[in-house]
Structures are given as structure tokens and as C-alpha cells.
């Protein structure tokens, strides 16, 4: 379970859309049915295919005879770098992936879905996962796990991609929204400030990582031990994946270079500031 659990949203304006059915937990499923009852469901939308968001989609689809909409299976939207990591056997950040998820209908970026004369707009926001989508409904953004108020989003290679994540943040900060409804935690009522913070937080971490590489090549774990000096030792593996995500992004942008085959254990050297 992530934080206090997964938020499933039911949009009801005379027609019904469900956003993120959630984990395969009977109580969660029963709660959804209690709200919807026997009324028809027009859409079942998935923001992304982690096991705390997607498994109940199939059950709801059967119950309401409604197709499931998603950007694609769990490897959809991944960059060539991440696909190569998977092909090379790197699975360190792959826990929680719903490899069985396959949407009935594919979503396109910018696609409009009519709901009783209003629209829900799909916005492809890769980063947390390659197949991550946010949904805009008027001034409200259903943000999945891309933006949350209680924590920064996990970006864990190979299914998470920091280069994509930052691009998606810059895209969302220019969208006219007044409220974010995240996949976990409470609503975010200051969207632009929160998105700016997420961007700033990642850039500050980037500078810390660059500073460790000023004199000697280091690998992700060695950098982590220098940057995350106050973190509980049990969290070091997760922190190392976060550093690796930054190194992949910096490599993509030409700031660092891996000294051999790209991996979490390969040393990296700084080539420009």
C-alpha cells in the first residue's frame, strides 16, 4: 500500500467515468460498487499500471461491460535507454509493475473524451512510468502518481525516467488548473506552486550529484552515500535508484558519461557543468 492507500475517483455529471480503479482488494472494490450501484459506467481510465492502481480495472470492466482505457501496457512510452536497460536485465526498480495490464482501448495524448457534454482530456505525462497519463476535467487534474502533495513522485528506472518526468512537469505547469487530485493523499490546491517545487527539488538534487563528481568518477551507490548522509540505511537502495535516475538524465543531456555499459554499478564522470 502506498501512503494511506490509492484514491479512486468517480466523475459523475449524469454520466460516469472511473479514474484508477485501484488494487485488487475486496473492500476497495465494494466501496466503488457502493457509490456507483447499478448505473452505467461510460469510461474506466488508468493513469498508469502499478499494482496499486490497475488490477481492479478488469473486474470493473466485467461488472459494467465497459472498456478500460490506458496509454498502453507497462512498457509503453519508455525511452530507448530504459528499454535497453530492461533488455540487459536491469530490474532493480521494477517492483510494483502490473505486467498483466493491457488496456482494451489505447489513449492518445491530447485525446478528448465526452462526458455528458463536457470533456475529459488525456495528457501523456511519462516519468513515473512511461505509460503515465493525467486527466484534465475543467480546472481539475487527476494526476495519478506524477504530482502528490505529501511526497515527491518516485522515479525509479527502468520504468521511471527522470528526463521524461521533468519534461512532463514543465508541460503541466503551463496548464490552467486550480486543483490536483492525486493517486495518493489529499488534494493539492496550489498546483503551480507544487509543480514548481517538484522541479526545483530535482534540480537541487542534480546540483548535489554534480558536486560529488567534481574530482573523481563515482557510481550511483558511492554518490548516494555522499549525498544522503542522514538517511536510514534501509532506505539506501531506494535512494541509490533515485541517484541512478539522475545519472541517466544527466547522461542523456550530456553532463556526465558512463565509463562503460550503462548500469547502476558503473562509474560516471562529469564532462561539463
C-alpha atoms as a PDB file:
ATOM      1  CA  UNK A   1       0.000   0.000   0.000  1.00  0.00           C
ATOM      2  CA  UNK A   2       1.277   3.481  -0.883  1.00  0.00           C
ATOM      3  CA  UNK A   3       0.812   6.058   1.906  1.00  0.00           C
ATOM      4  CA  UNK A   4      -2.847   5.854   3.068  1.00  0.00           C
ATOM      5  CA  UNK A   5      -3.957   3.832   0.045  1.00  0.00           C
ATOM      6  CA  UNK A   6      -4.984   4.522  -3.535  1.00  0.00           C
ATOM      7  CA  UNK A   7      -7.526   7.197  -4.438  1.00  0.00           C
ATOM      8  CA  UNK A   8     -10.128   6.005  -6.935  1.00  0.00           C
ATOM      9  CA  UNK A   9     -12.090   8.886  -8.440  1.00  0.00           C
ATOM     10  CA  UNK A  10     -15.641   8.646  -9.768  1.00  0.00           C
ATOM     11  CA  UNK A  11     -16.644  11.526 -12.012  1.00  0.00           C
ATOM     12  CA  UNK A  12     -20.446  11.732 -12.110  1.00  0.00           C
ATOM     13  CA  UNK A  13     -22.136  14.534 -14.040  1.00  0.00           C
ATOM     14  CA  UNK A  14     -25.040  12.416 -15.229  1.00  0.00           C
ATOM     15  CA  UNK A  15     -22.605  10.076 -16.956  1.00  0.00           C
ATOM     16  CA  UNK A  16     -19.873   8.244 -15.055  1.00  0.00           C
ATOM     17  CA  UNK A  17     -16.129   7.861 -15.529  1.00  0.00           C
ATOM     18  CA  UNK A  18     -13.833   5.999 -13.136  1.00  0.00           C
ATOM     19  CA  UNK A  19     -10.194   7.067 -12.776  1.00  0.00           C
ATOM     20  CA  UNK A  20      -7.788   4.462 -11.346  1.00  0.00           C
ATOM     21  CA  UNK A  21      -9.886   1.523 -10.079  1.00  0.00           C
ATOM     22  CA  UNK A  22      -7.106   0.594  -7.665  1.00  0.00           C
ATOM     23  CA  UNK A  23      -5.615  -2.524  -6.079  1.00  0.00           C
ATOM     24  CA  UNK A  24      -7.262  -5.924  -6.030  1.00  0.00           C
ATOM     25  CA  UNK A  25      -8.681  -5.544  -2.523  1.00  0.00           C
ATOM     26  CA  UNK A  26     -12.263  -6.637  -1.903  1.00  0.00           C
ATOM     27  CA  UNK A  27     -13.084  -3.708   0.395  1.00  0.00           C
ATOM     28  CA  UNK A  28     -11.853  -1.236  -2.204  1.00  0.00           C
ATOM     29  CA  UNK A  29     -13.949  -2.913  -4.896  1.00  0.00           C
ATOM     30  CA  UNK A  30     -17.037  -2.963  -2.657  1.00  0.00           C
ATOM     31  CA  UNK A  31     -16.639   0.743  -1.910  1.00  0.00           C
ATOM     32  CA  UNK A  32     -16.629   1.556  -5.630  1.00  0.00           C
ATOM     33  CA  UNK A  33     -19.750  -0.533  -6.230  1.00  0.00           C
ATOM     34  CA  UNK A  34     -21.484   1.134  -3.298  1.00  0.00           C
ATOM     35  CA  UNK A  35     -21.003   4.554  -4.898  1.00  0.00           C
ATOM     36  CA  UNK A  36     -21.866   3.585  -8.473  1.00  0.00           C
ATOM     37  CA  UNK A  37     -24.521   0.981  -7.831  1.00  0.00           C
ATOM     38  CA  UNK A  38     -26.143  -0.351 -10.988  1.00  0.00           C
ATOM     39  CA  UNK A  39     -25.739   2.833 -13.020  1.00  0.00           C
ATOM     40  CA  UNK A  40     -23.834   2.505 -16.319  1.00  0.00           C
ATOM     41  CA  UNK A  41     -20.146   3.477 -16.470  1.00  0.00           C
ATOM     42  CA  UNK A  42     -19.013   5.149 -19.688  1.00  0.00           C
ATOM     43  CA  UNK A  43     -15.227   5.109 -19.133  1.00  0.00           C
ATOM     44  CA  UNK A  44     -12.675   3.320 -16.985  1.00  0.00           C
ATOM     45  CA  UNK A  45      -9.424   5.303 -17.132  1.00  0.00           C
ATOM     46  CA  UNK A  46      -5.961   4.248 -15.926  1.00  0.00           C
ATOM     47  CA  UNK A  47      -3.265   6.796 -15.112  1.00  0.00           C
ATOM     48  CA  UNK A  48      -0.602   4.045 -15.093  1.00  0.00           C
ATOM     49  CA  UNK A  49      -0.100   0.358 -14.477  1.00  0.00           C
ATOM     50  CA  UNK A  50       1.279  -0.031 -10.973  1.00  0.00           C
ATOM     51  CA  UNK A  51      -0.391  -2.769  -8.933  1.00  0.00           C
ATOM     52  CA  UNK A  52      -1.972  -0.253  -6.556  1.00  0.00           C
ATOM     53  CA  UNK A  53      -3.803   1.415  -9.476  1.00  0.00           C
ATOM     54  CA  UNK A  54      -4.664  -1.028 -12.241  1.00  0.00           C
ATOM     55  CA  UNK A  55      -5.680  -4.566 -11.104  1.00  0.00           C
ATOM     56  CA  UNK A  56      -9.330  -3.756 -10.328  1.00  0.00           C
ATOM     57  CA  UNK A  57      -9.835  -2.338 -13.817  1.00  0.00           C
ATOM     58  CA  UNK A  58     -10.580  -5.778 -15.245  1.00  0.00           C
ATOM     59  CA  UNK A  59     -13.154  -6.531 -12.530  1.00  0.00           C
ATOM     60  CA  UNK A  60     -14.960  -3.225 -13.095  1.00  0.00           C
ATOM     61  CA  UNK A  61     -14.831  -3.758 -16.836  1.00  0.00           C
ATOM     62  CA  UNK A  62     -16.627  -7.087 -16.453  1.00  0.00           C
ATOM     63  CA  UNK A  63     -19.095  -5.729 -13.915  1.00  0.00           C
ATOM     64  CA  UNK A  64     -20.145  -2.727 -16.007  1.00  0.00           C
ATOM     65  CA  UNK A  65     -19.348  -4.026 -19.508  1.00  0.00           C
ATOM     66  CA  UNK A  66     -17.094  -1.002 -20.015  1.00  0.00           C
ATOM     67  CA  UNK A  67     -13.714  -0.947 -21.791  1.00  0.00           C
ATOM     68  CA  UNK A  68     -10.545   0.029 -19.965  1.00  0.00           C
ATOM     69  CA  UNK A  69      -8.647   2.993 -21.398  1.00  0.00           C
ATOM     70  CA  UNK A  70      -4.885   3.355 -20.951  1.00  0.00           C
ATOM     71  CA  UNK A  71      -1.813   4.601 -22.776  1.00  0.00           C
ATOM     72  CA  UNK A  72      -0.580   1.047 -23.249  1.00  0.00           C
ATOM     73  CA  UNK A  73       0.952  -1.888 -21.377  1.00  0.00           C
ATOM     74  CA  UNK A  74       3.646  -1.362 -18.764  1.00  0.00           C
ATOM     75  CA  UNK A  75       6.484  -0.902 -21.256  1.00  0.00           C
ATOM     76  CA  UNK A  76       4.597   1.633 -23.388  1.00  0.00           C
ATOM     77  CA  UNK A  77       6.121   5.092 -23.633  1.00  0.00           C
ATOM     78  CA  UNK A  78       9.567   4.045 -22.399  1.00  0.00           C
ATOM     79  CA  UNK A  79      12.644   5.645 -23.922  1.00  0.00           C
ATOM     80  CA  UNK A  80      15.191   3.598 -25.860  1.00  0.00           C
ATOM     81  CA  UNK A  81      17.575   3.929 -22.887  1.00  0.00           C
ATOM     82  CA  UNK A  82      15.076   2.347 -20.499  1.00  0.00           C
ATOM     83  CA  UNK A  83      14.123  -0.380 -22.951  1.00  0.00           C
ATOM     84  CA  UNK A  84      17.814  -1.263 -23.308  1.00  0.00           C
ATOM     85  CA  UNK A  85      18.196  -1.436 -19.514  1.00  0.00           C
ATOM     86  CA  UNK A  86      15.312  -3.903 -19.416  1.00  0.00           C
ATOM     87  CA  UNK A  87      16.788  -5.904 -22.295  1.00  0.00           C
ATOM     88  CA  UNK A  88      20.104  -6.002 -20.407  1.00  0.00           C
ATOM     89  CA  UNK A  89      18.317  -7.459 -17.373  1.00  0.00           C
ATOM     90  CA  UNK A  90      18.156  -4.405 -15.113  1.00  0.00           C
ATOM     91  CA  UNK A  91      15.014  -4.768 -12.984  1.00  0.00           C
ATOM     92  CA  UNK A  92      16.046  -3.005  -9.748  1.00  0.00           C
ATOM     93  CA  UNK A  93      13.176  -0.513  -9.860  1.00  0.00           C
ATOM     94  CA  UNK A  94      10.540  -2.812 -11.308  1.00  0.00           C
ATOM     95  CA  UNK A  95       8.677  -3.771  -8.158  1.00  0.00           C
ATOM     96  CA  UNK A  96       5.001  -2.925  -8.261  1.00  0.00           C
ATOM     97  CA  UNK A  97       4.693  -3.116 -12.053  1.00  0.00           C
ATOM     98  CA  UNK A  98       1.463  -4.704 -13.306  1.00  0.00           C
ATOM     99  CA  UNK A  99       2.884  -6.735 -16.175  1.00  0.00           C
ATOM    100  CA  UNK A 100      -0.549  -8.226 -16.844  1.00  0.00           C
ATOM    101  CA  UNK A 101      -2.141  -4.873 -17.652  1.00  0.00           C
ATOM    102  CA  UNK A 102      -3.322  -4.424 -21.229  1.00  0.00           C
ATOM    103  CA  UNK A 103      -5.920  -1.720 -21.911  1.00  0.00           C
ATOM    104  CA  UNK A 104      -8.880  -2.503 -24.113  1.00  0.00           C
ATOM    105  CA  UNK A 105      -8.534   0.838 -25.879  1.00  0.00           C
ATOM    106  CA  UNK A 106      -5.428   2.988 -26.266  1.00  0.00           C
ATOM    107  CA  UNK A 107      -5.348   6.630 -25.251  1.00  0.00           C
ATOM    108  CA  UNK A 108      -3.649   9.254 -27.383  1.00  0.00           C
ATOM    109  CA  UNK A 109      -2.020  12.350 -25.923  1.00  0.00           C
ATOM    110  CA  UNK A 110      -4.490  15.235 -26.075  1.00  0.00           C
ATOM    111  CA  UNK A 111      -7.478  12.987 -26.739  1.00  0.00           C
ATOM    112  CA  UNK A 112     -10.883  14.302 -25.663  1.00  0.00           C
ATOM    113  CA  UNK A 113     -13.494  12.065 -24.034  1.00  0.00           C
ATOM    114  CA  UNK A 114     -17.018  13.417 -23.930  1.00  0.00           C
ATOM    115  CA  UNK A 115     -18.876  13.031 -20.660  1.00  0.00           C
ATOM    116  CA  UNK A 116     -22.400  14.466 -20.792  1.00  0.00           C
ATOM    117  CA  UNK A 117     -21.448  17.469 -22.956  1.00  0.00           C
ATOM    118  CA  UNK A 118     -18.236  18.147 -21.018  1.00  0.00           C
ATOM    119  CA  UNK A 119     -14.770  16.805 -21.782  1.00  0.00           C
ATOM    120  CA  UNK A 120     -12.051  14.861 -20.044  1.00  0.00           C
ATOM    121  CA  UNK A 121      -8.678  15.480 -21.701  1.00  0.00           C
ATOM    122  CA  UNK A 122      -5.886  12.896 -21.600  1.00  0.00           C
ATOM    123  CA  UNK A 123      -2.363  14.290 -21.124  1.00  0.00           C
ATOM    124  CA  UNK A 124       0.511  11.854 -21.592  1.00  0.00           C
ATOM    125  CA  UNK A 125       2.885  12.529 -18.701  1.00  0.00           C
ATOM    126  CA  UNK A 126       5.652   9.895 -18.759  1.00  0.00           C
ATOM    127  CA  UNK A 127       8.190   9.886 -15.968  1.00  0.00           C
ATOM    128  CA  UNK A 128       6.816   7.967 -13.008  1.00  0.00           C
ATOM    129  CA  UNK A 129       6.081   5.339 -15.662  1.00  0.00           C
ATOM    130  CA  UNK A 130       6.285   5.545 -19.426  1.00  0.00           C
ATOM    131  CA  UNK A 131       2.556   4.868 -19.773  1.00  0.00           C
ATOM    132  CA  UNK A 132       1.523   7.510 -17.227  1.00  0.00           C
ATOM    133  CA  UNK A 133      -1.404   9.750 -18.168  1.00  0.00           C
ATOM    134  CA  UNK A 134      -3.029  12.646 -16.313  1.00  0.00           C
ATOM    135  CA  UNK A 135      -6.652  13.577 -16.952  1.00  0.00           C
ATOM    136  CA  UNK A 136      -7.935  17.145 -17.019  1.00  0.00           C
ATOM    137  CA  UNK A 137     -11.589  17.789 -16.207  1.00  0.00           C
ATOM    138  CA  UNK A 138     -12.176  21.527 -16.334  1.00  0.00           C
ATOM    139  CA  UNK A 139      -9.918  23.077 -13.709  1.00  0.00           C
ATOM    140  CA  UNK A 140      -9.229  19.728 -12.048  1.00  0.00           C
ATOM    141  CA  UNK A 141      -6.283  17.477 -12.857  1.00  0.00           C
ATOM    142  CA  UNK A 142      -6.322  13.801 -11.920  1.00  0.00           C
ATOM    143  CA  UNK A 143      -2.562  13.470 -11.561  1.00  0.00           C
ATOM    144  CA  UNK A 144      -2.064   9.798 -10.714  1.00  0.00           C
ATOM    145  CA  UNK A 145       1.382   9.477  -9.148  1.00  0.00           C
ATOM    146  CA  UNK A 146       3.024  12.274 -11.112  1.00  0.00           C
ATOM    147  CA  UNK A 147       2.136  15.020  -8.629  1.00  0.00           C
ATOM    148  CA  UNK A 148       1.258  14.445  -4.976  1.00  0.00           C
ATOM    149  CA  UNK A 149       1.190  16.826  -2.043  1.00  0.00           C
ATOM    150  CA  UNK A 150       2.700  14.564   0.608  1.00  0.00           C
ATOM    151  CA  UNK A 151       5.808  13.376  -1.258  1.00  0.00           C
ATOM    152  CA  UNK A 152       7.777  13.753  -4.449  1.00  0.00           C
ATOM    153  CA  UNK A 153       6.958  11.147  -7.070  1.00  0.00           C
ATOM    154  CA  UNK A 154       9.060   8.000  -7.234  1.00  0.00           C
ATOM    155  CA  UNK A 155      11.084   7.906 -10.443  1.00  0.00           C
ATOM    156  CA  UNK A 156      12.761   4.517 -10.475  1.00  0.00           C
ATOM    157  CA  UNK A 157      14.457   3.142 -13.605  1.00  0.00           C
ATOM    158  CA  UNK A 158      13.887   1.293 -15.829  1.00  0.00           C
ATOM    159  CA  UNK A 159      10.137   2.028 -15.794  1.00  0.00           C
ATOM    160  CA  UNK A 160      10.660   5.501 -14.338  1.00  0.00           C
ATOM    161  CA  UNK A 161      12.530   8.112 -16.370  1.00  0.00           C
ATOM    162  CA  UNK A 162      13.644  11.433 -14.873  1.00  0.00           C
ATOM    163  CA  UNK A 163      14.206  13.094 -18.249  1.00  0.00           C
ATOM    164  CA  UNK A 164      10.587  12.351 -19.122  1.00  0.00           C
ATOM    165  CA  UNK A 165       9.403  13.284 -15.628  1.00  0.00           C
ATOM    166  CA  UNK A 166      10.910  16.770 -15.799  1.00  0.00           C
ATOM    167  CA  UNK A 167       9.519  17.374 -19.284  1.00  0.00           C
ATOM    168  CA  UNK A 168       6.069  16.360 -18.037  1.00  0.00           C
ATOM    169  CA  UNK A 169       6.373  18.720 -15.050  1.00  0.00           C
ATOM    170  CA  UNK A 170       7.208  21.630 -17.356  1.00  0.00           C
ATOM    171  CA  UNK A 171       4.232  20.685 -19.530  1.00  0.00           C
ATOM    172  CA  UNK A 172       1.798  20.592 -16.587  1.00  0.00           C
ATOM    173  CA  UNK A 173       2.935  23.868 -15.023  1.00  0.00           C
ATOM    174  CA  UNK A 174       1.608  25.719 -18.065  1.00  0.00           C
ATOM    175  CA  UNK A 175      -1.854  24.123 -17.953  1.00  0.00           C
ATOM    176  CA  UNK A 176      -4.702  26.129 -16.442  1.00  0.00           C
ATOM    177  CA  UNK A 177      -5.770  24.066 -13.423  1.00  0.00           C
ATOM    178  CA  UNK A 178      -6.865  25.065  -9.920  1.00  0.00           C
ATOM    179  CA  UNK A 179      -6.928  21.690  -8.149  1.00  0.00           C
ATOM    180  CA  UNK A 180      -4.930  18.472  -8.348  1.00  0.00           C
ATOM    181  CA  UNK A 181      -6.481  15.183  -7.244  1.00  0.00           C
ATOM    182  CA  UNK A 182      -3.549  12.778  -6.809  1.00  0.00           C
ATOM    183  CA  UNK A 183      -3.399   8.998  -6.750  1.00  0.00           C
ATOM    184  CA  UNK A 184      -2.436   9.066  -3.075  1.00  0.00           C
ATOM    185  CA  UNK A 185      -3.016  11.601  -0.322  1.00  0.00           C
ATOM    186  CA  UNK A 186      -5.022  14.790  -0.078  1.00  0.00           C
ATOM    187  CA  UNK A 187      -5.964  17.233  -2.865  1.00  0.00           C
ATOM    188  CA  UNK A 188      -3.366  19.805  -3.889  1.00  0.00           C
ATOM    189  CA  UNK A 189      -4.951  23.259  -4.020  1.00  0.00           C
ATOM    190  CA  UNK A 190      -1.853  25.172  -5.209  1.00  0.00           C
ATOM    191  CA  UNK A 191      -0.955  23.257  -8.389  1.00  0.00           C
ATOM    192  CA  UNK A 192       1.523  25.689  -9.917  1.00  0.00           C
ATOM    193  CA  UNK A 193       3.484  26.135  -6.692  1.00  0.00           C
ATOM    194  CA  UNK A 194       3.608  22.404  -6.115  1.00  0.00           C
ATOM    195  CA  UNK A 195       4.852  21.704  -9.637  1.00  0.00           C
ATOM    196  CA  UNK A 196       7.464  24.454  -9.339  1.00  0.00           C
ATOM    197  CA  UNK A 197       8.627  22.884  -6.071  1.00  0.00           C
ATOM    198  CA  UNK A 198       8.964  19.441  -7.688  1.00  0.00           C
ATOM    199  CA  UNK A 199      11.092  20.906 -10.481  1.00  0.00           C
ATOM    200  CA  UNK A 200      13.225  22.880  -8.026  1.00  0.00           C
ATOM    201  CA  UNK A 201      13.691  19.863  -5.756  1.00  0.00           C
ATOM    202  CA  UNK A 202      15.009  17.740  -8.615  1.00  0.00           C
ATOM    203  CA  UNK A 203      17.342  20.484  -9.839  1.00  0.00           C
ATOM    204  CA  UNK A 204      18.766  20.920  -6.332  1.00  0.00           C
ATOM    205  CA  UNK A 205      19.438  17.182  -6.127  1.00  0.00           C
ATOM    206  CA  UNK A 206      21.084  17.356  -9.540  1.00  0.00           C
ATOM    207  CA  UNK A 207      23.499  20.013  -8.301  1.00  0.00           C
ATOM    208  CA  UNK A 208      24.376  17.882  -5.266  1.00  0.00           C
ATOM    209  CA  UNK A 209      25.157  14.936  -7.534  1.00  0.00           C
ATOM    210  CA  UNK A 210      27.286  17.037  -9.866  1.00  0.00           C
ATOM    211  CA  UNK A 211      29.247  18.337  -6.870  1.00  0.00           C
ATOM    212  CA  UNK A 212      30.247  14.800  -5.844  1.00  0.00           C
ATOM    213  CA  UNK A 213      31.680  14.197  -9.321  1.00  0.00           C
ATOM    214  CA  UNK A 214      33.925  17.260  -9.460  1.00  0.00           C
ATOM    215  CA  UNK A 215      37.158  15.334  -8.834  1.00  0.00           C
ATOM    216  CA  UNK A 216      36.606  11.585  -9.276  1.00  0.00           C
ATOM    217  CA  UNK A 217      34.301   9.221 -11.159  1.00  0.00           C
ATOM    218  CA  UNK A 218      31.783   7.521  -8.855  1.00  0.00           C
ATOM    219  CA  UNK A 219      28.924   5.056  -9.227  1.00  0.00           C
ATOM    220  CA  UNK A 220      25.351   5.540  -8.010  1.00  0.00           C
ATOM    221  CA  UNK A 221      25.889   3.929  -4.606  1.00  0.00           C
ATOM    222  CA  UNK A 222      29.053   5.921  -3.923  1.00  0.00           C
ATOM    223  CA  UNK A 223      27.225   9.157  -4.778  1.00  0.00           C
ATOM    224  CA  UNK A 224      24.257   8.145  -2.625  1.00  0.00           C
ATOM    225  CA  UNK A 225      26.478   7.636   0.420  1.00  0.00           C
ATOM    226  CA  UNK A 226      27.857  11.161  -0.024  1.00  0.00           C
ATOM    227  CA  UNK A 227      24.529  12.895  -0.704  1.00  0.00           C
ATOM    228  CA  UNK A 228      22.109  11.023   1.573  1.00  0.00           C
ATOM    229  CA  UNK A 229      24.184  11.278   4.753  1.00  0.00           C
ATOM    230  CA  UNK A 230      21.207  11.434   7.162  1.00  0.00           C
ATOM    231  CA  UNK A 231      19.055   8.703   5.570  1.00  0.00           C
ATOM    232  CA  UNK A 232      18.257   5.467   7.381  1.00  0.00           C
ATOM    233  CA  UNK A 233      20.449   2.683   5.971  1.00  0.00           C
ATOM    234  CA  UNK A 234      17.375   0.671   4.996  1.00  0.00           C
ATOM    235  CA  UNK A 235      16.444   3.427   2.516  1.00  0.00           C
ATOM    236  CA  UNK A 236      19.831   3.486   0.754  1.00  0.00           C
ATOM    237  CA  UNK A 237      18.766   1.061  -2.042  1.00  0.00           C
ATOM    238  CA  UNK A 238      15.794   3.290  -2.951  1.00  0.00           C
ATOM    239  CA  UNK A 239      17.971   6.406  -2.718  1.00  0.00           C
ATOM    240  CA  UNK A 240      20.546   4.745  -4.978  1.00  0.00           C
ATOM    241  CA  UNK A 241      17.883   4.125  -7.632  1.00  0.00           C
ATOM    242  CA  UNK A 242      16.935   7.794  -7.385  1.00  0.00           C
ATOM    243  CA  UNK A 243      20.564   8.816  -7.928  1.00  0.00           C
ATOM    244  CA  UNK A 244      20.787   6.391 -10.852  1.00  0.00           C
ATOM    245  CA  UNK A 245      17.706   8.073 -12.355  1.00  0.00           C
ATOM    246  CA  UNK A 246      19.513  11.411 -12.114  1.00  0.00           C
ATOM    247  CA  UNK A 247      22.669   9.968 -13.667  1.00  0.00           C
ATOM    248  CA  UNK A 248      20.690   8.605 -16.609  1.00  0.00           C
ATOM    249  CA  UNK A 249      19.107  12.027 -17.084  1.00  0.00           C
ATOM    250  CA  UNK A 250      22.465  13.813 -16.845  1.00  0.00           C
ATOM    251  CA  UNK A 251      23.937  11.346 -19.330  1.00  0.00           C
ATOM    252  CA  UNK A 252      21.024  11.926 -21.691  1.00  0.00           C
ATOM    253  CA  UNK A 253      21.643  15.683 -21.502  1.00  0.00           C
ATOM    254  CA  UNK A 254      25.409  15.398 -21.974  1.00  0.00           C
ATOM    255  CA  UNK A 255      26.580  16.388 -18.474  1.00  0.00           C
ATOM    256  CA  UNK A 256      28.036  13.025 -17.426  1.00  0.00           C
ATOM    257  CA  UNK A 257      29.391   9.951 -19.134  1.00  0.00           C
ATOM    258  CA  UNK A 258      29.318   6.339 -18.001  1.00  0.00           C
ATOM    259  CA  UNK A 259      32.759   4.725 -18.170  1.00  0.00           C
ATOM    260  CA  UNK A 260      31.320   1.535 -19.671  1.00  0.00           C
ATOM    261  CA  UNK A 261      27.976  -0.168 -20.162  1.00  0.00           C
ATOM    262  CA  UNK A 262      25.237   1.895 -18.520  1.00  0.00           C
ATOM    263  CA  UNK A 263      24.330   0.336 -15.175  1.00  0.00           C
ATOM    264  CA  UNK A 264      23.775   1.239 -11.547  1.00  0.00           C
ATOM    265  CA  UNK A 265      27.249  -0.039 -10.625  1.00  0.00           C
ATOM    266  CA  UNK A 266      29.196   1.589 -13.469  1.00  0.00           C
ATOM    267  CA  UNK A 267      31.228   4.672 -12.539  1.00  0.00           C
ATOM    268  CA  UNK A 268      30.285   8.010 -14.063  1.00  0.00           C
ATOM    269  CA  UNK A 269      32.451  11.030 -14.750  1.00  0.00           C
ATOM    270  CA  UNK A 270      31.435  14.669 -15.066  1.00  0.00           C
ATOM    271  CA  UNK A 271      32.150  16.095 -18.514  1.00  0.00           C
ATOM    272  CA  UNK A 272      30.547  19.545 -18.143  1.00  0.00           C
ATOM    273  CA  UNK A 273      28.793  21.670 -15.537  1.00  0.00           C
END
